Amino acid sequence: MQPDPSPLAIDSHTLLLIIAAAVATYATRIGGYVLIASMKRIPPRVESALNAVPAAVLTTLVAPPFFNGDWDIKIAMAVAFVVALRWPGLTILVAGWAAVMAARYGFGIGA
């Protein structure tokens, strides 16, 4: 009779995959730093591209739920956008959360 495998047991393929993913993640992160640190001066086009990264990442995260989500998500994002014009981060988060909760449980919109 074989002993039951431990719930914390991990097979060798999964372990190798985790290690490979960790190495790839570290290499890409340190690679960007080494590349930028090796430059004496950052070319204006590269600097412009780097300045555009936060907006591109934010758009990538926000656009799909807005266009594919239900009305509760759209209402929450619109409220968060309006609040973001005036107040800082945590207030935006609370306003968006309150809007989605009000839409879902107060008005029965969405999930």
N, C-alpha and C. Protein backbone atom coordinates (compact mmCIF):
# COMPACT_ATOMS: atom_id res chain seq x y z
N MET A 1 0.84 -1.18 0.00
CA MET A 1 0.00 0.00 0.00
C MET A 1 0.89 1.24 0.00
N GLN A 2 0.57 2.16 -0.93
CA GLN A 2 1.37 3.38 -1.03
C GLN A 2 0.80 4.45 -0.09
N PRO A 3 1.68 5.24 0.46
CA PRO A 3 1.18 6.31 1.33
C PRO A 3 0.50 7.39 0.49
N ASP A 4 -0.47 8.06 1.08
CA ASP A 4 -1.14 9.17 0.40
C ASP A 4 -0.15 10.30 0.18
N PRO A 5 -0.21 10.90 -1.01
CA PRO A 5 0.70 12.03 -1.23
C PRO A 5 0.31 13.21 -0.35
N SER A 6 1.30 13.90 0.09
CA SER A 6 1.07 15.07 0.94
C SER A 6 0.37 16.15 0.13
N PRO A 7 -0.52 16.91 0.75
CA PRO A 7 -1.16 18.01 0.00
C PRO A 7 -0.15 19.08 -0.42
N LEU A 8 0.99 19.09 0.21
CA LEU A 8 2.03 20.05 -0.15
C LEU A 8 3.05 19.48 -1.12
N ALA A 9 2.86 18.23 -1.55
CA ALA A 9 3.79 17.60 -2.48
C ALA A 9 3.71 18.28 -3.84
N ILE A 10 4.83 18.34 -4.51
CA ILE A 10 4.89 18.98 -5.83
C ILE A 10 5.74 18.08 -6.73
N ASP A 11 5.27 17.85 -7.95
CA ASP A 11 6.05 17.00 -8.83
C ASP A 11 7.20 17.79 -9.45
N SER A 12 8.14 17.06 -10.01
CA SER A 12 9.36 17.70 -10.51
C SER A 12 9.10 18.60 -11.72
N HIS A 13 8.12 18.24 -12.57
CA HIS A 13 7.83 19.09 -13.73
C HIS A 13 7.26 20.44 -13.30
N THR A 14 6.38 20.42 -12.33
CA THR A 14 5.81 21.67 -11.83
C THR A 14 6.89 22.52 -11.19
N LEU A 15 7.78 21.88 -10.43
CA LEU A 15 8.87 22.61 -9.79
C LEU A 15 9.78 23.25 -10.84
N LEU A 16 10.10 22.49 -11.89
CA LEU A 16 10.95 23.04 -12.96
C LEU A 16 10.25 24.21 -13.66
N LEU A 17 8.95 24.08 -13.87
CA LEU A 17 8.19 25.16 -14.50
C LEU A 17 8.21 26.42 -13.63
N ILE A 18 8.04 26.26 -12.34
CA ILE A 18 8.08 27.41 -11.43
C ILE A 18 9.45 28.06 -11.45
N ILE A 19 10.50 27.26 -11.42
CA ILE A 19 11.86 27.81 -11.45
C ILE A 19 12.14 28.51 -12.77
N ALA A 20 11.72 27.91 -13.89
CA ALA A 20 11.92 28.55 -15.19
C ALA A 20 11.16 29.86 -15.29
N ALA A 21 9.94 29.90 -14.77
CA ALA A 21 9.16 31.14 -14.79
C ALA A 21 9.82 32.20 -13.91
N ALA A 22 10.37 31.80 -12.78
CA ALA A 22 11.05 32.75 -11.90
C ALA A 22 12.29 33.31 -12.57
N VAL A 23 13.06 32.45 -13.22
CA VAL A 23 14.28 32.91 -13.91
C VAL A 23 13.91 33.84 -15.07
N ALA A 24 12.88 33.49 -15.84
CA ALA A 24 12.47 34.34 -16.96
C ALA A 24 11.97 35.69 -16.46
N THR A 25 11.20 35.69 -15.38
CA THR A 25 10.70 36.94 -14.82
C THR A 25 11.85 37.81 -14.33
N TYR A 26 12.80 37.21 -13.61
CA TYR A 26 13.93 37.97 -13.10
C TYR A 26 14.78 38.49 -14.25
N ALA A 27 15.01 37.67 -15.27
CA ALA A 27 15.84 38.09 -16.41
C ALA A 27 15.21 39.27 -17.15
N THR A 28 13.90 39.24 -17.34
CA THR A 28 13.27 40.36 -18.05
C THR A 28 13.30 41.63 -17.20
N ARG A 29 13.14 41.49 -15.91
CA ARG A 29 13.17 42.68 -15.06
C ARG A 29 14.57 43.26 -14.95
N ILE A 30 15.53 42.43 -14.70
CA ILE A 30 16.91 42.93 -14.56
C ILE A 30 17.45 43.34 -15.92
N GLY A 31 16.99 42.70 -16.99
CA GLY A 31 17.45 43.05 -18.33
C GLY A 31 17.10 44.48 -18.70
N GLY A 32 15.89 44.90 -18.39
CA GLY A 32 15.50 46.27 -18.66
C GLY A 32 16.31 47.26 -17.85
N TYR A 33 16.55 46.93 -16.60
CA TYR A 33 17.35 47.81 -15.75
C TYR A 33 18.78 47.92 -16.28
N VAL A 34 19.38 46.79 -16.63
CA VAL A 34 20.76 46.79 -17.13
C VAL A 34 20.84 47.56 -18.44
N LEU A 35 19.85 47.39 -19.31
CA LEU A 35 19.86 48.09 -20.59
C LEU A 35 19.78 49.61 -20.38
N ILE A 36 18.88 50.05 -19.53
CA ILE A 36 18.74 51.49 -19.30
C ILE A 36 19.96 52.03 -18.55
N ALA A 37 20.47 51.27 -17.58
CA ALA A 37 21.63 51.73 -16.81
C ALA A 37 22.89 51.81 -17.67
N SER A 38 22.95 51.01 -18.73
CA SER A 38 24.15 51.02 -19.57
C SER A 38 24.17 52.21 -20.53
N MET A 39 23.04 52.87 -20.69
CA MET A 39 22.98 54.02 -21.59
C MET A 39 23.49 55.27 -20.86
N LYS A 40 24.31 56.03 -21.52
CA LYS A 40 24.79 57.29 -20.94
C LYS A 40 23.63 58.29 -20.88
N ARG A 41 22.84 58.27 -21.96
CA ARG A 41 21.72 59.19 -22.08
C ARG A 41 20.59 58.44 -22.76
N ILE A 42 19.41 58.57 -22.21
CA ILE A 42 18.28 57.87 -22.80
C ILE A 42 17.81 58.65 -24.02
N PRO A 43 17.75 58.00 -25.19
CA PRO A 43 17.28 58.69 -26.39
C PRO A 43 15.85 59.20 -26.20
N PRO A 44 15.54 60.34 -26.78
CA PRO A 44 14.20 60.93 -26.59
C PRO A 44 13.06 60.00 -26.98
N ARG A 45 13.23 59.23 -28.03
CA ARG A 45 12.16 58.31 -28.44
C ARG A 45 11.95 57.21 -27.40
N VAL A 46 13.06 56.71 -26.85
CA VAL A 46 12.94 55.68 -25.82
C VAL A 46 12.28 56.27 -24.57
N GLU A 47 12.67 57.48 -24.21
CA GLU A 47 12.07 58.13 -23.05
C GLU A 47 10.57 58.35 -23.27
N SER A 48 10.19 58.77 -24.47
CA SER A 48 8.77 58.94 -24.77
C SER A 48 8.03 57.61 -24.69
N ALA A 49 8.65 56.56 -25.19
CA ALA A 49 8.01 55.24 -25.13
C ALA A 49 7.86 54.78 -23.68
N LEU A 50 8.89 55.01 -22.87
CA LEU A 50 8.81 54.62 -21.46
C LEU A 50 7.76 55.44 -20.72
N ASN A 51 7.61 56.70 -21.07
CA ASN A 51 6.58 57.52 -20.44
C ASN A 51 5.18 57.07 -20.82
N ALA A 52 5.03 56.43 -21.96
CA ALA A 52 3.71 55.97 -22.41
C ALA A 52 3.33 54.62 -21.80
N VAL A 53 4.25 53.93 -21.17
CA VAL A 53 3.97 52.59 -20.65
C VAL A 53 2.87 52.59 -19.59
N PRO A 54 2.88 53.48 -18.59
CA PRO A 54 1.79 53.41 -17.59
C PRO A 54 0.41 53.59 -18.21
N ALA A 55 0.26 54.51 -19.13
CA ALA A 55 -1.04 54.70 -19.77
C ALA A 55 -1.44 53.47 -20.58
N ALA A 56 -0.48 52.86 -21.25
CA ALA A 56 -0.78 51.66 -22.04
C ALA A 56 -1.19 50.50 -21.14
N VAL A 57 -0.49 50.34 -20.03
CA VAL A 57 -0.83 49.25 -19.11
C VAL A 57 -2.20 49.49 -18.49
N LEU A 58 -2.46 50.72 -18.09
CA LEU A 58 -3.77 51.03 -17.51
C LEU A 58 -4.89 50.80 -18.52
N THR A 59 -4.67 51.19 -19.74
CA THR A 59 -5.67 50.97 -20.79
C THR A 59 -5.90 49.48 -21.00
N THR A 60 -4.83 48.71 -20.99
CA THR A 60 -4.94 47.26 -21.17
C THR A 60 -5.75 46.63 -20.05
N LEU A 61 -5.62 47.17 -18.85
CA LEU A 61 -6.35 46.60 -17.72
C LEU A 61 -7.80 47.06 -17.67
N VAL A 62 -8.08 48.29 -18.09
CA VAL A 62 -9.39 48.89 -17.92
C VAL A 62 -10.31 48.64 -19.11
N ALA A 63 -9.81 48.69 -20.30
CA ALA A 63 -10.65 48.64 -21.50
C ALA A 63 -11.44 47.33 -21.63
N PRO A 64 -10.84 46.15 -21.48
CA PRO A 64 -11.65 44.93 -21.67
C PRO A 64 -12.83 44.81 -20.72
N PRO A 65 -12.66 45.05 -19.41
CA PRO A 65 -13.86 44.96 -18.55
C PRO A 65 -14.90 46.02 -18.89
N PHE A 66 -14.46 47.20 -19.31
CA PHE A 66 -15.41 48.25 -19.64
C PHE A 66 -16.26 47.86 -20.85
N PHE A 67 -15.62 47.35 -21.88
CA PHE A 67 -16.35 47.03 -23.10
C PHE A 67 -17.03 45.67 -23.05
N ASN A 68 -16.52 44.74 -22.24
CA ASN A 68 -17.10 43.40 -22.18
C ASN A 68 -17.95 43.17 -20.93
N GLY A 69 -17.84 44.06 -19.95
CA GLY A 69 -18.54 43.86 -18.68
C GLY A 69 -19.99 44.33 -18.73
N ASP A 70 -20.69 44.02 -17.66
CA ASP A 70 -22.08 44.46 -17.53
C ASP A 70 -22.12 45.93 -17.14
N TRP A 71 -23.33 46.44 -16.98
CA TRP A 71 -23.52 47.85 -16.66
C TRP A 71 -22.99 48.20 -15.28
N ASP A 72 -22.97 47.25 -14.35
CA ASP A 72 -22.44 47.57 -13.03
C ASP A 72 -20.97 47.94 -13.11
N ILE A 73 -20.23 47.25 -13.95
CA ILE A 73 -18.81 47.55 -14.13
C ILE A 73 -18.64 48.90 -14.81
N LYS A 74 -19.45 49.15 -15.82
CA LYS A 74 -19.35 50.43 -16.54
C LYS A 74 -19.68 51.60 -15.61
N ILE A 75 -20.71 51.44 -14.80
CA ILE A 75 -21.08 52.50 -13.86
C ILE A 75 -19.94 52.72 -12.85
N ALA A 76 -19.38 51.64 -12.33
CA ALA A 76 -18.29 51.77 -11.36
C ALA A 76 -17.08 52.46 -11.98
N MET A 77 -16.75 52.11 -13.19
CA MET A 77 -15.61 52.75 -13.85
C MET A 77 -15.88 54.22 -14.13
N ALA A 78 -17.09 54.55 -14.52
CA ALA A 78 -17.43 55.96 -14.77
C ALA A 78 -17.36 56.76 -13.47
N VAL A 79 -17.88 56.20 -12.39
CA VAL A 79 -17.81 56.88 -11.09
C VAL A 79 -16.36 57.03 -10.67
N ALA A 80 -15.57 55.99 -10.81
CA ALA A 80 -14.16 56.05 -10.43
C ALA A 80 -13.42 57.09 -11.27
N PHE A 81 -13.76 57.18 -12.53
CA PHE A 81 -13.12 58.18 -13.39
C PHE A 81 -13.44 59.60 -12.92
N VAL A 82 -14.70 59.84 -12.63
CA VAL A 82 -15.12 61.18 -12.18
C VAL A 82 -14.45 61.51 -10.84
N VAL A 83 -14.41 60.55 -9.93
CA VAL A 83 -13.79 60.78 -8.63
C VAL A 83 -12.29 61.00 -8.80
N ALA A 84 -11.67 60.31 -9.74
CA ALA A 84 -10.23 60.45 -9.97
C ALA A 84 -9.85 61.83 -10.45
N LEU A 85 -10.80 62.56 -11.01
CA LEU A 85 -10.49 63.91 -11.45
C LEU A 85 -10.24 64.84 -10.27
N ARG A 86 -10.69 64.45 -9.08
CA ARG A 86 -10.60 65.35 -7.93
C ARG A 86 -9.84 64.76 -6.75
N TRP A 87 -9.96 63.45 -6.48
CA TRP A 87 -9.41 62.88 -5.27
C TRP A 87 -8.36 61.81 -5.58
N PRO A 88 -7.54 61.44 -4.57
CA PRO A 88 -6.45 60.47 -4.78
C PRO A 88 -6.93 59.01 -4.78
N GLY A 89 -5.97 58.08 -4.88
CA GLY A 89 -6.18 56.67 -5.15
C GLY A 89 -7.17 55.93 -4.29
N LEU A 90 -7.04 55.95 -2.98
CA LEU A 90 -7.91 55.16 -2.13
C LEU A 90 -9.35 55.62 -2.24
N THR A 91 -9.55 56.90 -2.40
CA THR A 91 -10.90 57.43 -2.57
C THR A 91 -11.52 56.90 -3.86
N ILE A 92 -10.71 56.80 -4.90
CA ILE A 92 -11.19 56.27 -6.18
C ILE A 92 -11.62 54.83 -6.02
N LEU A 93 -10.79 54.07 -5.32
CA LEU A 93 -11.10 52.65 -5.09
C LEU A 93 -12.41 52.49 -4.31
N VAL A 94 -12.57 53.26 -3.26
CA VAL A 94 -13.77 53.18 -2.44
C VAL A 94 -15.00 53.61 -3.25
N ALA A 95 -14.87 54.67 -4.02
CA ALA A 95 -16.00 55.14 -4.83
C ALA A 95 -16.39 54.10 -5.88
N GLY A 96 -15.42 53.50 -6.53
CA GLY A 96 -15.70 52.47 -7.52
C GLY A 96 -16.36 51.25 -6.90
N TRP A 97 -15.84 50.85 -5.73
CA TRP A 97 -16.42 49.70 -5.03
C TRP A 97 -17.85 50.01 -4.59
N ALA A 98 -18.07 51.19 -4.03
CA ALA A 98 -19.41 51.57 -3.59
C ALA A 98 -20.37 51.63 -4.77
N ALA A 99 -19.90 52.12 -5.90
CA ALA A 99 -20.76 52.22 -7.07
C ALA A 99 -21.16 50.84 -7.59
N VAL A 100 -20.21 49.93 -7.63
CA VAL A 100 -20.55 48.59 -8.13
C VAL A 100 -21.46 47.86 -7.15
N MET A 101 -21.25 48.05 -5.85
CA MET A 101 -22.12 47.42 -4.86
C MET A 101 -23.52 48.01 -4.92
N ALA A 102 -23.61 49.34 -5.09
CA ALA A 102 -24.93 49.97 -5.19
C ALA A 102 -25.65 49.51 -6.45
N ALA A 103 -24.90 49.38 -7.55
CA ALA A 103 -25.52 48.93 -8.79
C ALA A 103 -26.02 47.50 -8.67
N ARG A 104 -25.20 46.64 -8.05
CA ARG A 104 -25.57 45.23 -7.96
C ARG A 104 -26.67 44.97 -6.94
N TYR A 105 -26.48 45.48 -5.74
CA TYR A 105 -27.41 45.12 -4.66
C TYR A 105 -28.50 46.17 -4.44
N GLY A 106 -28.26 47.39 -4.86
CA GLY A 106 -29.27 48.42 -4.69
C GLY A 106 -30.24 48.49 -5.85
N PHE A 107 -29.70 48.33 -7.05
CA PHE A 107 -30.54 48.47 -8.24
C PHE A 107 -30.66 47.18 -9.04
N GLY A 108 -29.96 46.12 -8.64
CA GLY A 108 -30.08 44.84 -9.33
C GLY A 108 -29.48 44.83 -10.73
N ILE A 109 -28.47 45.67 -10.92
CA ILE A 109 -27.81 45.74 -12.23
C ILE A 109 -26.57 44.84 -12.19
N GLY A 110 -26.37 44.05 -13.22
CA GLY A 110 -25.15 43.25 -13.32
C GLY A 110 -25.23 41.96 -12.55
N ALA A 111 -24.05 41.45 -12.15
CA ALA A 111 -23.96 40.13 -11.53
C ALA A 111 -24.60 40.04 -10.18
